[in-house]
Amino acid sequence: MTRRRVALPLLLLLAVAALAIACGGDDEPASSETEHVEMILDWFPNADHASIYTAQEAGHFSDAGLDVKLTVPSDPAAALKQVGTGNAEFAISYEPEVLLARSEGVPVVAVGALVTHPLNSVIVRSDRGISRPRDLEGKTVGATGLPSDKSLLQTVVRADGGDPSKVTIANVGFTLGPAIASGKVDALIGAYWNIEVPEIEDKGVALDVFRLEQNGVPDYDELVVVTSDAVIEKNPRAVRRVLAALREGALTARDDQALAASAVLAANEDLNAELVAAQVEDTVPLLAPEDEPILNVEPTAWVGYAEWMRAEGLLKKPVDARDAVTAEFLPEP
């Protein structure tokens, strides 16, 4: 009887341990285990990344069991391929680029949106006689080199009755601001109204802005959090952890803009402190909106945007937009 009394509790403990292992699975690490993941940014650190760097500075990533390596890409167009091939777990990218990548067989998925409306815009020098998009005919427009920028610019010009073939596009990469400030180009596509405009105007250059969603381009998610099919399948907990931490980062940035600006400046010492403070003030309401859930994505809206991309000839191959985005991992409001 004594041996049975000892054996039964032992067997129960073993059974509970086996059940815990089975429930956790190899793809879902224990909550106490720190996961090391890499997130490739879309650009050098700036106010658009306030929720990311605030999450890091305030400890929201570590609280979620994450050690996140934030990487600035040498080529913004290559980040999705890095995620698709498993060289990084996450990236920050753009809805058009995710749809393009998916149509080309790159297995990436948007799991949340940092900013749910276009920041990308056509920015023009006020001294070049460009009062409306069709005035870009005969002008030179600097671009980042992303495939979608050319199509977006062409749509804006065409929507105003202009001829896109008469607009010259120059790939200037990361040097968008210097290119237009120096007069090398007359306008920009791929620059953000909340970031580049105040930076360039601070140099004494007067600008005008043509917002994409007001000039023929459907509304879309600007900055999205992207992972791969493989990460979703093998480690969905990591996806949930990242999004939960980013939500907390957005809320903290909204409540403490000084902390958010400080976190961005610590990540990029080349930035101007006064400009960053102003940019954070403009950007935080986009990262933590009052009228919709933080990080919200709507797959049905992506289907409509993909249809527009196909109609514009931007998508050369068919793609099911529902494979390119999911709201499954969004944190509870």
C-alpha atoms as a PDB file:
ATOM      1  CA  MET A   1       0.000   0.000   0.000  1.00  0.00           C
ATOM      2  CA  THR A   2       2.873   2.369   0.803  1.00  0.00           C
ATOM      3  CA  ARG A   3       4.469   1.837  -2.594  1.00  0.00           C
ATOM      4  CA  ARG A   4       1.148   2.520  -4.351  1.00  0.00           C
ATOM      5  CA  ARG A   5       0.630   5.778  -2.394  1.00  0.00           C
ATOM      6  CA  VAL A   6       4.054   6.969  -3.569  1.00  0.00           C
ATOM      7  CA  ALA A   7       3.672   5.788  -7.142  1.00  0.00           C
ATOM      8  CA  LEU A   8       0.275   7.323  -7.854  1.00  0.00           C
ATOM      9  CA  PRO A   9       1.284  10.969  -7.169  1.00  0.00           C
ATOM     10  CA  LEU A  10       4.438  10.444  -9.204  1.00  0.00           C
ATOM     11  CA  LEU A  11       2.432   9.144 -12.129  1.00  0.00           C
ATOM     12  CA  LEU A  12       0.078  12.123 -11.856  1.00  0.00           C
ATOM     13  CA  LEU A  13       3.023  14.554 -11.937  1.00  0.00           C
ATOM     14  CA  LEU A  14       4.462  12.843 -14.983  1.00  0.00           C
ATOM     15  CA  ALA A  15       1.097  12.986 -16.725  1.00  0.00           C
ATOM     16  CA  VAL A  16       0.714  16.706 -16.023  1.00  0.00           C
ATOM     17  CA  ALA A  17       4.232  17.370 -17.328  1.00  0.00           C
ATOM     18  CA  ALA A  18       3.532  15.418 -20.505  1.00  0.00           C
ATOM     19  CA  LEU A  19       0.294  17.340 -21.036  1.00  0.00           C
ATOM     20  CA  ALA A  20       2.090  20.662 -20.603  1.00  0.00           C
ATOM     21  CA  ILE A  21       4.668  19.688 -23.206  1.00  0.00           C
ATOM     22  CA  ALA A  22       1.981  18.546 -25.611  1.00  0.00           C
ATOM     23  CA  CYS A  23      -0.003  21.761 -25.196  1.00  0.00           C
ATOM     24  CA  GLY A  24       3.023  23.990 -25.541  1.00  0.00           C
ATOM     25  CA  GLY A  25       4.415  22.300 -28.618  1.00  0.00           C
ATOM     26  CA  ASP A  26       7.875  22.718 -30.069  1.00  0.00           C
ATOM     27  CA  ASP A  27       6.704  25.830 -31.913  1.00  0.00           C
ATOM     28  CA  GLU A  28       5.441  27.681 -28.817  1.00  0.00           C
ATOM     29  CA  PRO A  29       8.209  28.320 -26.291  1.00  0.00           C
ATOM     30  CA  ALA A  30       7.370  28.663 -22.613  1.00  0.00           C
ATOM     31  CA  SER A  31       6.337  32.163 -21.623  1.00  0.00           C
ATOM     32  CA  SER A  32       9.417  32.515 -19.381  1.00  0.00           C
ATOM     33  CA  GLU A  33      11.772  31.840 -22.281  1.00  0.00           C
ATOM     34  CA  THR A  34      13.267  34.890 -23.995  1.00  0.00           C
ATOM     35  CA  GLU A  35      12.978  34.756 -27.769  1.00  0.00           C
ATOM     36  CA  HIS A  36      15.564  36.421 -29.967  1.00  0.00           C
ATOM     37  CA  VAL A  37      14.081  37.876 -33.159  1.00  0.00           C
ATOM     38  CA  GLU A  38      15.197  40.368 -35.769  1.00  0.00           C
ATOM     39  CA  MET A  39      13.024  43.142 -37.191  1.00  0.00           C
ATOM     40  CA  ILE A  40      14.224  44.937 -40.331  1.00  0.00           C
ATOM     41  CA  LEU A  41      12.993  48.511 -40.584  1.00  0.00           C
ATOM     42  CA  ASP A  42      11.772  50.093 -43.804  1.00  0.00           C
ATOM     43  CA  TRP A  43      14.056  53.113 -43.411  1.00  0.00           C
ATOM     44  CA  PHE A  44      16.521  54.665 -40.995  1.00  0.00           C
ATOM     45  CA  PRO A  45      15.054  55.284 -37.504  1.00  0.00           C
ATOM     46  CA  ASN A  46      12.585  58.177 -37.438  1.00  0.00           C
ATOM     47  CA  ALA A  47       9.324  59.254 -35.846  1.00  0.00           C
ATOM     48  CA  ASP A  48       7.371  56.632 -37.806  1.00  0.00           C
ATOM     49  CA  HIS A  49       9.135  54.074 -35.635  1.00  0.00           C
ATOM     50  CA  ALA A  50       8.222  55.785 -32.366  1.00  0.00           C
ATOM     51  CA  SER A  51       6.105  52.879 -31.137  1.00  0.00           C
ATOM     52  CA  ILE A  52       8.894  50.410 -31.957  1.00  0.00           C
ATOM     53  CA  TYR A  53      11.685  52.256 -30.190  1.00  0.00           C
ATOM     54  CA  THR A  54       9.397  53.189 -27.306  1.00  0.00           C
ATOM     55  CA  ALA A  55       8.543  49.516 -26.892  1.00  0.00           C
ATOM     56  CA  GLN A  56      12.253  48.791 -26.722  1.00  0.00           C
ATOM     57  CA  GLU A  57      13.107  51.712 -24.404  1.00  0.00           C
ATOM     58  CA  ALA A  58      10.172  51.161 -22.036  1.00  0.00           C
ATOM     59  CA  GLY A  59      10.816  47.420 -21.787  1.00  0.00           C
ATOM     60  CA  HIS A  60       7.645  46.248 -23.523  1.00  0.00           C
ATOM     61  CA  PHE A  61       9.563  43.819 -25.721  1.00  0.00           C
ATOM     62  CA  SER A  62      11.390  42.321 -22.760  1.00  0.00           C
ATOM     63  CA  ASP A  63       8.149  42.191 -20.750  1.00  0.00           C
ATOM     64  CA  ALA A  64       6.702  40.121 -23.608  1.00  0.00           C
ATOM     65  CA  GLY A  65       9.658  37.732 -23.462  1.00  0.00           C
ATOM     66  CA  LEU A  66      11.419  39.168 -26.498  1.00  0.00           C
ATOM     67  CA  ASP A  67      14.922  40.291 -27.346  1.00  0.00           C
ATOM     68  CA  VAL A  68      14.388  42.252 -30.568  1.00  0.00           C
ATOM     69  CA  LYS A  69      17.270  43.228 -32.841  1.00  0.00           C
ATOM     70  CA  LEU A  70      16.266  46.256 -34.914  1.00  0.00           C
ATOM     71  CA  THR A  71      18.087  46.521 -38.243  1.00  0.00           C
ATOM     72  CA  VAL A  72      18.269  49.373 -40.746  1.00  0.00           C
ATOM     73  CA  PRO A  73      18.166  47.965 -44.292  1.00  0.00           C
ATOM     74  CA  SER A  74      20.895  48.710 -46.791  1.00  0.00           C
ATOM     75  CA  ASP A  75      18.214  48.337 -49.465  1.00  0.00           C
ATOM     76  CA  PRO A  76      14.578  49.025 -48.443  1.00  0.00           C
ATOM     77  CA  ALA A  77      13.345  46.862 -51.311  1.00  0.00           C
ATOM     78  CA  ALA A  78      15.198  43.784 -50.012  1.00  0.00           C
ATOM     79  CA  ALA A  79      13.687  43.545 -46.508  1.00  0.00           C
ATOM     80  CA  LEU A  80      10.748  41.359 -47.528  1.00  0.00           C
ATOM     81  CA  LYS A  81      13.012  38.886 -49.271  1.00  0.00           C
ATOM     82  CA  GLN A  82      15.096  38.645 -46.098  1.00  0.00           C
ATOM     83  CA  VAL A  83      11.985  37.729 -44.132  1.00  0.00           C
ATOM     84  CA  GLY A  84      10.686  35.401 -46.828  1.00  0.00           C
ATOM     85  CA  THR A  85      13.942  33.429 -46.888  1.00  0.00           C
ATOM     86  CA  GLY A  86      14.120  33.197 -43.094  1.00  0.00           C
ATOM     87  CA  ASN A  87      17.067  35.553 -42.585  1.00  0.00           C
ATOM     88  CA  ALA A  88      14.892  37.705 -40.287  1.00  0.00           C
ATOM     89  CA  GLU A  89      11.630  37.019 -38.511  1.00  0.00           C
ATOM     90  CA  PHE A  90       9.956  40.410 -38.994  1.00  0.00           C
ATOM     91  CA  ALA A  91      10.108  43.542 -41.124  1.00  0.00           C
ATOM     92  CA  ILE A  92       8.367  46.880 -41.437  1.00  0.00           C
ATOM     93  CA  SER A  93       7.144  47.401 -44.983  1.00  0.00           C
ATOM     94  CA  TYR A  94       4.239  48.764 -47.028  1.00  0.00           C
ATOM     95  CA  GLU A  95       0.969  47.260 -48.236  1.00  0.00           C
ATOM     96  CA  PRO A  96       1.800  47.622 -51.969  1.00  0.00           C
ATOM     97  CA  GLU A  97       5.202  45.978 -51.472  1.00  0.00           C
ATOM     98  CA  VAL A  98       3.723  43.062 -49.535  1.00  0.00           C
ATOM     99  CA  LEU A  99       1.186  42.410 -52.285  1.00  0.00           C
ATOM    100  CA  LEU A 100       3.906  42.663 -54.932  1.00  0.00           C
ATOM    101  CA  ALA A 101       6.167  40.291 -53.029  1.00  0.00           C
ATOM    102  CA  ARG A 102       3.356  37.807 -52.488  1.00  0.00           C
ATOM    103  CA  SER A 103       2.483  37.853 -56.180  1.00  0.00           C
ATOM    104  CA  GLU A 104       6.111  36.951 -56.908  1.00  0.00           C
ATOM    105  CA  GLY A 105       6.047  33.972 -54.569  1.00  0.00           C
ATOM    106  CA  VAL A 106       7.740  35.545 -51.547  1.00  0.00           C
ATOM    107  CA  PRO A 107       5.946  33.958 -48.545  1.00  0.00           C
ATOM    108  CA  VAL A 108       5.371  37.080 -46.438  1.00  0.00           C
ATOM    109  CA  VAL A 109       2.270  38.163 -44.525  1.00  0.00           C
ATOM    110  CA  ALA A 110       1.253  41.478 -42.966  1.00  0.00           C
ATOM    111  CA  VAL A 111       0.041  40.852 -39.421  1.00  0.00           C
ATOM    112  CA  GLY A 112      -0.605  44.424 -38.298  1.00  0.00           C
ATOM    113  CA  ALA A 113      -0.409  48.049 -39.433  1.00  0.00           C
ATOM    114  CA  LEU A 114       1.584  50.736 -37.648  1.00  0.00           C
ATOM    115  CA  VAL A 115      -0.083  53.418 -39.811  1.00  0.00           C
ATOM    116  CA  THR A 116      -3.375  52.718 -41.585  1.00  0.00           C
ATOM    117  CA  HIS A 117      -3.405  55.559 -44.132  1.00  0.00           C
ATOM    118  CA  PRO A 118      -0.880  56.749 -46.748  1.00  0.00           C
ATOM    119  CA  LEU A 119       2.039  58.820 -45.536  1.00  0.00           C
ATOM    120  CA  ASN A 120       3.749  58.447 -48.876  1.00  0.00           C
ATOM    121  CA  SER A 121       2.965  61.463 -51.022  1.00  0.00           C
ATOM    122  CA  VAL A 122       4.115  63.496 -53.979  1.00  0.00           C
ATOM    123  CA  ILE A 123       6.115  66.389 -52.558  1.00  0.00           C
ATOM    124  CA  VAL A 124       7.055  69.261 -54.882  1.00  0.00           C
ATOM    125  CA  ARG A 125       9.182  72.363 -54.637  1.00  0.00           C
ATOM    126  CA  SER A 126       6.957  75.438 -54.595  1.00  0.00           C
ATOM    127  CA  ASP A 127       9.391  77.319 -56.843  1.00  0.00           C
ATOM    128  CA  ARG A 128       9.137  74.937 -59.808  1.00  0.00           C
ATOM    129  CA  GLY A 129       5.723  75.960 -61.122  1.00  0.00           C
ATOM    130  CA  ILE A 130       3.986  72.752 -60.018  1.00  0.00           C
ATOM    131  CA  SER A 131       0.560  73.705 -58.751  1.00  0.00           C
ATOM    132  CA  ARG A 132      -1.149  70.407 -59.595  1.00  0.00           C
ATOM    133  CA  PRO A 133      -0.028  66.845 -60.427  1.00  0.00           C
ATOM    134  CA  ARG A 134      -0.194  67.207 -64.215  1.00  0.00           C
ATOM    135  CA  ASP A 135       2.359  70.039 -63.954  1.00  0.00           C
ATOM    136  CA  LEU A 136       4.944  67.311 -63.252  1.00  0.00           C
ATOM    137  CA  GLU A 137       5.199  66.776 -67.009  1.00  0.00           C
ATOM    138  CA  GLY A 138       8.713  67.723 -68.030  1.00  0.00           C
ATOM    139  CA  LYS A 139       9.932  67.588 -64.416  1.00  0.00           C
ATOM    140  CA  THR A 140      12.257  65.184 -62.565  1.00  0.00           C
ATOM    141  CA  VAL A 141      10.901  63.275 -59.581  1.00  0.00           C
ATOM    142  CA  GLY A 142      13.220  61.601 -57.087  1.00  0.00           C
ATOM    143  CA  ALA A 143      12.173  58.123 -55.917  1.00  0.00           C
ATOM    144  CA  THR A 144      13.369  55.498 -53.437  1.00  0.00           C
ATOM    145  CA  GLY A 145      13.612  52.670 -55.928  1.00  0.00           C
ATOM    146  CA  LEU A 146      10.640  50.719 -54.556  1.00  0.00           C
ATOM    147  CA  PRO A 147       8.595  49.201 -57.406  1.00  0.00           C
ATOM    148  CA  SER A 148       5.293  50.695 -56.263  1.00  0.00           C
ATOM    149  CA  ASP A 149       6.512  54.315 -56.215  1.00  0.00           C
ATOM    150  CA  LYS A 150       6.568  54.595 -59.993  1.00  0.00           C
ATOM    151  CA  SER A 151       3.016  53.294 -60.323  1.00  0.00           C
ATOM    152  CA  LEU A 152       1.745  55.543 -57.541  1.00  0.00           C
ATOM    153  CA  LEU A 153       3.292  58.594 -59.192  1.00  0.00           C
ATOM    154  CA  GLN A 154       1.886  57.654 -62.579  1.00  0.00           C
ATOM    155  CA  THR A 155      -1.588  57.222 -61.083  1.00  0.00           C
ATOM    156  CA  VAL A 156      -1.486  60.650 -59.438  1.00  0.00           C
ATOM    157  CA  VAL A 157      -0.379  62.338 -62.678  1.00  0.00           C
ATOM    158  CA  ARG A 158      -2.868  60.412 -64.788  1.00  0.00           C
ATOM    159  CA  ALA A 159      -5.753  61.166 -62.394  1.00  0.00           C
ATOM    160  CA  ASP A 160      -5.155  64.875 -63.053  1.00  0.00           C
ATOM    161  CA  GLY A 161      -5.170  64.412 -66.824  1.00  0.00           C
ATOM    162  CA  GLY A 162      -1.383  64.417 -67.216  1.00  0.00           C
ATOM    163  CA  ASP A 163       0.895  62.123 -69.214  1.00  0.00           C
ATOM    164  CA  PRO A 164       3.120  60.040 -66.873  1.00  0.00           C
ATOM    165  CA  SER A 165       5.493  59.195 -69.728  1.00  0.00           C
ATOM    166  CA  LYS A 166       6.562  62.849 -69.777  1.00  0.00           C
ATOM    167  CA  VAL A 167       7.737  62.682 -66.140  1.00  0.00           C
ATOM    168  CA  THR A 168      11.366  61.670 -65.461  1.00  0.00           C
ATOM    169  CA  ILE A 169      11.981  59.451 -62.426  1.00  0.00           C
ATOM    170  CA  ALA A 170      15.414  59.452 -60.762  1.00  0.00           C
ATOM    171  CA  ASN A 171      16.326  56.799 -58.181  1.00  0.00           C
ATOM    172  CA  VAL A 172      17.878  58.671 -55.244  1.00  0.00           C
ATOM    173  CA  GLY A 173      17.502  55.950 -52.580  1.00  0.00           C
ATOM    174  CA  PHE A 174      17.835  57.257 -49.023  1.00  0.00           C
ATOM    175  CA  THR A 175      18.732  60.798 -50.153  1.00  0.00           C
ATOM    176  CA  LEU A 176      15.189  62.013 -50.789  1.00  0.00           C
ATOM    177  CA  GLY A 177      15.480  65.136 -48.659  1.00  0.00           C
ATOM    178  CA  PRO A 178      18.913  66.252 -49.886  1.00  0.00           C
ATOM    179  CA  ALA A 179      17.922  65.588 -53.507  1.00  0.00           C
ATOM    180  CA  ILE A 180      15.009  68.015 -53.444  1.00  0.00           C
ATOM    181  CA  ALA A 181      16.601  70.507 -51.061  1.00  0.00           C
ATOM    182  CA  SER A 182      19.605  70.860 -53.362  1.00  0.00           C
ATOM    183  CA  GLY A 183      17.395  71.256 -56.428  1.00  0.00           C
ATOM    184  CA  LYS A 184      18.651  68.039 -58.009  1.00  0.00           C
ATOM    185  CA  VAL A 185      15.010  66.993 -58.453  1.00  0.00           C
ATOM    186  CA  ASP A 186      11.819  69.001 -58.711  1.00  0.00           C
ATOM    187  CA  ALA A 187       9.661  66.662 -56.659  1.00  0.00           C
ATOM    188  CA  LEU A 188       9.640  63.412 -54.673  1.00  0.00           C
ATOM    189  CA  ILE A 189       7.614  60.220 -54.489  1.00  0.00           C
ATOM    190  CA  GLY A 190       8.216  57.904 -51.567  1.00  0.00           C
ATOM    191  CA  ALA A 191       8.679  60.736 -49.083  1.00  0.00           C
ATOM    192  CA  TYR A 192       6.322  61.096 -46.118  1.00  0.00           C
ATOM    193  CA  TRP A 193       4.327  64.228 -45.408  1.00  0.00           C
ATOM    194  CA  ASN A 194       4.887  63.838 -41.654  1.00  0.00           C
ATOM    195  CA  ILE A 195       8.661  63.233 -41.830  1.00  0.00           C
ATOM    196  CA  GLU A 196      10.389  64.669 -44.913  1.00  0.00           C
ATOM    197  CA  VAL A 197       8.230  67.786 -45.283  1.00  0.00           C
ATOM    198  CA  PRO A 198       9.183  69.373 -41.935  1.00  0.00           C
ATOM    199  CA  GLU A 199      12.821  68.275 -42.426  1.00  0.00           C
ATOM    200  CA  ILE A 200      13.078  69.896 -45.854  1.00  0.00           C
ATOM    201  CA  GLU A 201      11.139  73.019 -44.917  1.00  0.00           C
ATOM    202  CA  ASP A 202      13.516  73.440 -41.976  1.00  0.00           C
ATOM    203  CA  LYS A 203      16.237  73.956 -44.602  1.00  0.00           C
ATOM    204  CA  GLY A 204      14.311  76.911 -46.020  1.00  0.00           C
ATOM    205  CA  VAL A 205      12.750  75.104 -49.005  1.00  0.00           C
ATOM    206  CA  ALA A 206       9.042  75.778 -49.558  1.00  0.00           C
ATOM    207  CA  LEU A 207       7.017  72.692 -50.503  1.00  0.00           C
ATOM    208  CA  ASP A 208       3.577  71.615 -51.618  1.00  0.00           C
ATOM    209  CA  VAL A 209       2.121  68.158 -51.001  1.00  0.00           C
ATOM    210  CA  PHE A 210      -0.197  66.017 -53.137  1.00  0.00           C
ATOM    211  CA  ARG A 211      -1.687  63.354 -50.853  1.00  0.00           C
ATOM    212  CA  LEU A 212      -2.074  60.031 -52.670  1.00  0.00           C
ATOM    213  CA  GLU A 213      -5.534  59.152 -51.351  1.00  0.00           C
ATOM    214  CA  GLN A 214      -6.762  62.553 -52.532  1.00  0.00           C
ATOM    215  CA  ASN A 215      -5.350  62.136 -56.027  1.00  0.00           C
ATOM    216  CA  GLY A 216      -6.586  58.907 -57.538  1.00  0.00           C
ATOM    217  CA  VAL A 217      -4.940  56.309 -55.281  1.00  0.00           C
ATOM    218  CA  PRO A 218      -7.198  54.227 -53.013  1.00  0.00           C
ATOM    219  CA  ASP A 219      -6.620  54.480 -49.274  1.00  0.00           C
ATOM    220  CA  TYR A 220      -4.260  51.801 -47.949  1.00  0.00           C
ATOM    221  CA  ASP A 221      -2.162  50.771 -44.940  1.00  0.00           C
ATOM    222  CA  GLU A 222       1.139  52.630 -45.095  1.00  0.00           C
ATOM    223  CA  LEU A 223       3.452  50.898 -42.624  1.00  0.00           C
ATOM    224  CA  VAL A 224       2.788  47.249 -41.853  1.00  0.00           C
ATOM    225  CA  VAL A 225       4.402  44.634 -39.637  1.00  0.00           C
ATOM    226  CA  VAL A 226       5.406  41.663 -41.758  1.00  0.00           C
ATOM    227  CA  THR A 227       6.449  38.111 -40.987  1.00  0.00           C
ATOM    228  CA  SER A 228       6.660  34.884 -42.990  1.00  0.00           C
ATOM    229  CA  ASP A 229       4.408  31.897 -43.496  1.00  0.00           C
ATOM    230  CA  ALA A 230       7.055  29.813 -41.723  1.00  0.00           C
ATOM    231  CA  VAL A 231       7.084  31.963 -38.575  1.00  0.00           C
ATOM    232  CA  ILE A 232       3.285  31.954 -38.440  1.00  0.00           C
ATOM    233  CA  GLU A 233       3.246  28.181 -38.725  1.00  0.00           C
ATOM    234  CA  LYS A 234       6.134  27.365 -36.393  1.00  0.00           C
ATOM    235  CA  ASN A 235       6.042  30.170 -33.833  1.00  0.00           C
ATOM    236  CA  PRO A 236       2.710  32.026 -33.739  1.00  0.00           C
ATOM    237  CA  ARG A 237       3.406  33.024 -30.146  1.00  0.00           C
ATOM    238  CA  ALA A 238       6.297  35.205 -31.318  1.00  0.00           C
ATOM    239  CA  VAL A 239       3.923  37.056 -33.644  1.00  0.00           C
ATOM    240  CA  ARG A 240       1.465  37.690 -30.836  1.00  0.00           C
ATOM    241  CA  ARG A 241       4.254  38.813 -28.526  1.00  0.00           C
ATOM    242  CA  VAL A 242       5.648  41.291 -31.047  1.00  0.00           C
ATOM    243  CA  LEU A 243       2.252  42.830 -31.778  1.00  0.00           C
ATOM    244  CA  ALA A 244       1.331  43.030 -28.088  1.00  0.00           C
ATOM    245  CA  ALA A 245       4.602  44.837 -27.346  1.00  0.00           C
ATOM    246  CA  LEU A 246       4.119  47.224 -30.280  1.00  0.00           C
ATOM    247  CA  ARG A 247       0.627  48.078 -29.061  1.00  0.00           C
ATOM    248  CA  GLU A 248       2.022  48.895 -25.638  1.00  0.00           C
ATOM    249  CA  GLY A 249       4.755  50.931 -27.310  1.00  0.00           C
ATOM    250  CA  ALA A 250       2.168  52.980 -29.201  1.00  0.00           C
ATOM    251  CA  LEU A 251       0.163  53.639 -26.033  1.00  0.00           C
ATOM    252  CA  THR A 252       3.269  54.642 -24.098  1.00  0.00           C
ATOM    253  CA  ALA A 253       4.373  56.931 -26.947  1.00  0.00           C
ATOM    254  CA  ARG A 254       0.959  58.593 -26.907  1.00  0.00           C
ATOM    255  CA  ASP A 255       1.112  59.133 -23.158  1.00  0.00           C
ATOM    256  CA  ASP A 256       4.781  60.178 -23.041  1.00  0.00           C
ATOM    257  CA  GLN A 257       5.865  61.865 -26.261  1.00  0.00           C
ATOM    258  CA  ALA A 258       9.096  63.039 -24.673  1.00  0.00           C
ATOM    259  CA  LEU A 259      10.085  59.428 -24.013  1.00  0.00           C
ATOM    260  CA  ALA A 260       9.131  58.470 -27.578  1.00  0.00           C
ATOM    261  CA  ALA A 261      11.200  61.283 -29.079  1.00  0.00           C
ATOM    262  CA  SER A 262      14.138  60.417 -26.828  1.00  0.00           C
ATOM    263  CA  ALA A 263      13.964  56.761 -27.894  1.00  0.00           C
ATOM    264  CA  VAL A 264      14.006  57.705 -31.584  1.00  0.00           C
ATOM    265  CA  LEU A 265      16.910  60.116 -31.068  1.00  0.00           C
ATOM    266  CA  ALA A 266      18.890  57.456 -29.206  1.00  0.00           C
ATOM    267  CA  ALA A 267      18.494  55.169 -32.222  1.00  0.00           C
ATOM    268  CA  ASN A 268      19.556  57.855 -34.703  1.00  0.00           C
ATOM    269  CA  GLU A 269      21.829  60.557 -33.329  1.00  0.00           C
ATOM    270  CA  ASP A 270      21.959  62.312 -36.709  1.00  0.00           C
ATOM    271  CA  LEU A 271      18.394  63.565 -36.252  1.00  0.00           C
ATOM    272  CA  ASN A 272      17.487  67.056 -35.082  1.00  0.00           C
ATOM    273  CA  ALA A 273      15.924  66.930 -31.615  1.00  0.00           C
ATOM    274  CA  GLU A 274      13.444  69.758 -32.218  1.00  0.00           C
ATOM    275  CA  LEU A 275      12.312  68.281 -35.518  1.00  0.00           C
ATOM    276  CA  VAL A 276      11.894  64.813 -34.009  1.00  0.00           C
ATOM    277  CA  ALA A 277       9.752  66.231 -31.202  1.00  0.00           C
ATOM    278  CA  ALA A 278       7.490  67.932 -33.763  1.00  0.00           C
ATOM    279  CA  GLN A 279       7.364  64.813 -35.958  1.00  0.00           C
ATOM    280  CA  VAL A 280       6.499  62.595 -33.007  1.00  0.00           C
ATOM    281  CA  GLU A 281       3.695  64.973 -32.066  1.00  0.00           C
ATOM    282  CA  ASP A 282       2.252  64.655 -35.600  1.00  0.00           C
ATOM    283  CA  THR A 283       2.851  60.913 -35.876  1.00  0.00           C
ATOM    284  CA  VAL A 284       1.733  59.512 -32.519  1.00  0.00           C
ATOM    285  CA  PRO A 285      -1.991  60.026 -33.304  1.00  0.00           C
ATOM    286  CA  LEU A 286      -1.442  57.861 -36.387  1.00  0.00           C
ATOM    287  CA  LEU A 287       0.297  55.132 -34.381  1.00  0.00           C
ATOM    288  CA  ALA A 288      -2.263  55.144 -31.580  1.00  0.00           C
ATOM    289  CA  PRO A 289      -5.525  56.402 -33.146  1.00  0.00           C
ATOM    290  CA  GLU A 290      -8.541  57.109 -30.998  1.00  0.00           C
ATOM    291  CA  ASP A 291     -11.107  55.950 -33.569  1.00  0.00           C
ATOM    292  CA  GLU A 292      -9.822  52.462 -34.438  1.00  0.00           C
ATOM    293  CA  PRO A 293      -7.854  49.631 -32.830  1.00  0.00           C
ATOM    294  CA  ILE A 294      -4.090  50.064 -32.725  1.00  0.00           C
ATOM    295  CA  LEU A 295      -2.318  47.979 -35.428  1.00  0.00           C
ATOM    296  CA  ASN A 296      -5.642  47.306 -37.126  1.00  0.00           C
ATOM    297  CA  VAL A 297      -5.657  45.587 -40.521  1.00  0.00           C
ATOM    298  CA  GLU A 298      -8.740  44.778 -42.599  1.00  0.00           C
ATOM    299  CA  PRO A 299      -8.147  41.927 -45.076  1.00  0.00           C
ATOM    300  CA  THR A 300     -11.230  42.828 -47.139  1.00  0.00           C
ATOM    301  CA  ALA A 301      -9.771  46.284 -47.786  1.00  0.00           C
ATOM    302  CA  TRP A 302      -6.571  44.626 -49.004  1.00  0.00           C
ATOM    303  CA  VAL A 303      -8.589  42.655 -51.541  1.00  0.00           C
ATOM    304  CA  GLY A 304      -9.938  45.914 -52.963  1.00  0.00           C
ATOM    305  CA  TYR A 305      -6.504  47.517 -53.082  1.00  0.00           C
ATOM    306  CA  ALA A 306      -5.067  44.460 -54.838  1.00  0.00           C
ATOM    307  CA  GLU A 307      -7.776  44.781 -57.471  1.00  0.00           C
ATOM    308  CA  TRP A 308      -6.756  48.400 -58.036  1.00  0.00           C
ATOM    309  CA  MET A 309      -3.107  47.358 -58.345  1.00  0.00           C
ATOM    310  CA  ARG A 310      -4.030  44.771 -60.958  1.00  0.00           C
ATOM    311  CA  ALA A 311      -6.091  47.307 -62.886  1.00  0.00           C
ATOM    312  CA  GLU A 312      -3.111  49.680 -62.875  1.00  0.00           C
ATOM    313  CA  GLY A 313      -0.766  46.974 -64.132  1.00  0.00           C
ATOM    314  CA  LEU A 314       1.286  47.023 -60.943  1.00  0.00           C
ATOM    315  CA  LEU A 315       0.641  43.374 -60.197  1.00  0.00           C
ATOM    316  CA  LYS A 316       1.981  41.357 -63.115  1.00  0.00           C
ATOM    317  CA  LYS A 317       1.020  38.046 -61.537  1.00  0.00           C
ATOM    318  CA  PRO A 318      -2.201  37.027 -59.782  1.00  0.00           C
ATOM    319  CA  VAL A 319      -2.308  37.179 -55.990  1.00  0.00           C
ATOM    320  CA  ASP A 320      -4.926  36.353 -53.398  1.00  0.00           C
ATOM    321  CA  ALA A 321      -4.726  39.319 -51.035  1.00  0.00           C
ATOM    322  CA  ARG A 322      -6.199  37.192 -48.261  1.00  0.00           C
ATOM    323  CA  ASP A 323      -2.939  35.241 -48.242  1.00  0.00           C
ATOM    324  CA  ALA A 324      -0.949  38.456 -47.840  1.00  0.00           C
ATOM    325  CA  VAL A 325      -2.589  39.778 -44.651  1.00  0.00           C
ATOM    326  CA  THR A 326      -4.189  38.434 -41.519  1.00  0.00           C
ATOM    327  CA  ALA A 327      -5.881  39.985 -38.488  1.00  0.00           C
ATOM    328  CA  GLU A 328      -5.581  36.745 -36.523  1.00  0.00           C
ATOM    329  CA  PHE A 329      -2.777  37.905 -34.247  1.00  0.00           C
ATOM    330  CA  LEU A 330      -3.948  41.433 -33.413  1.00  0.00           C
ATOM    331  CA  PRO A 331      -3.922  42.119 -29.648  1.00  0.00           C
ATOM    332  CA  GLU A 332      -7.187  42.790 -27.858  1.00  0.00           C
ATOM    333  CA  PRO A 333      -8.055  46.522 -27.694  1.00  0.00           C
END
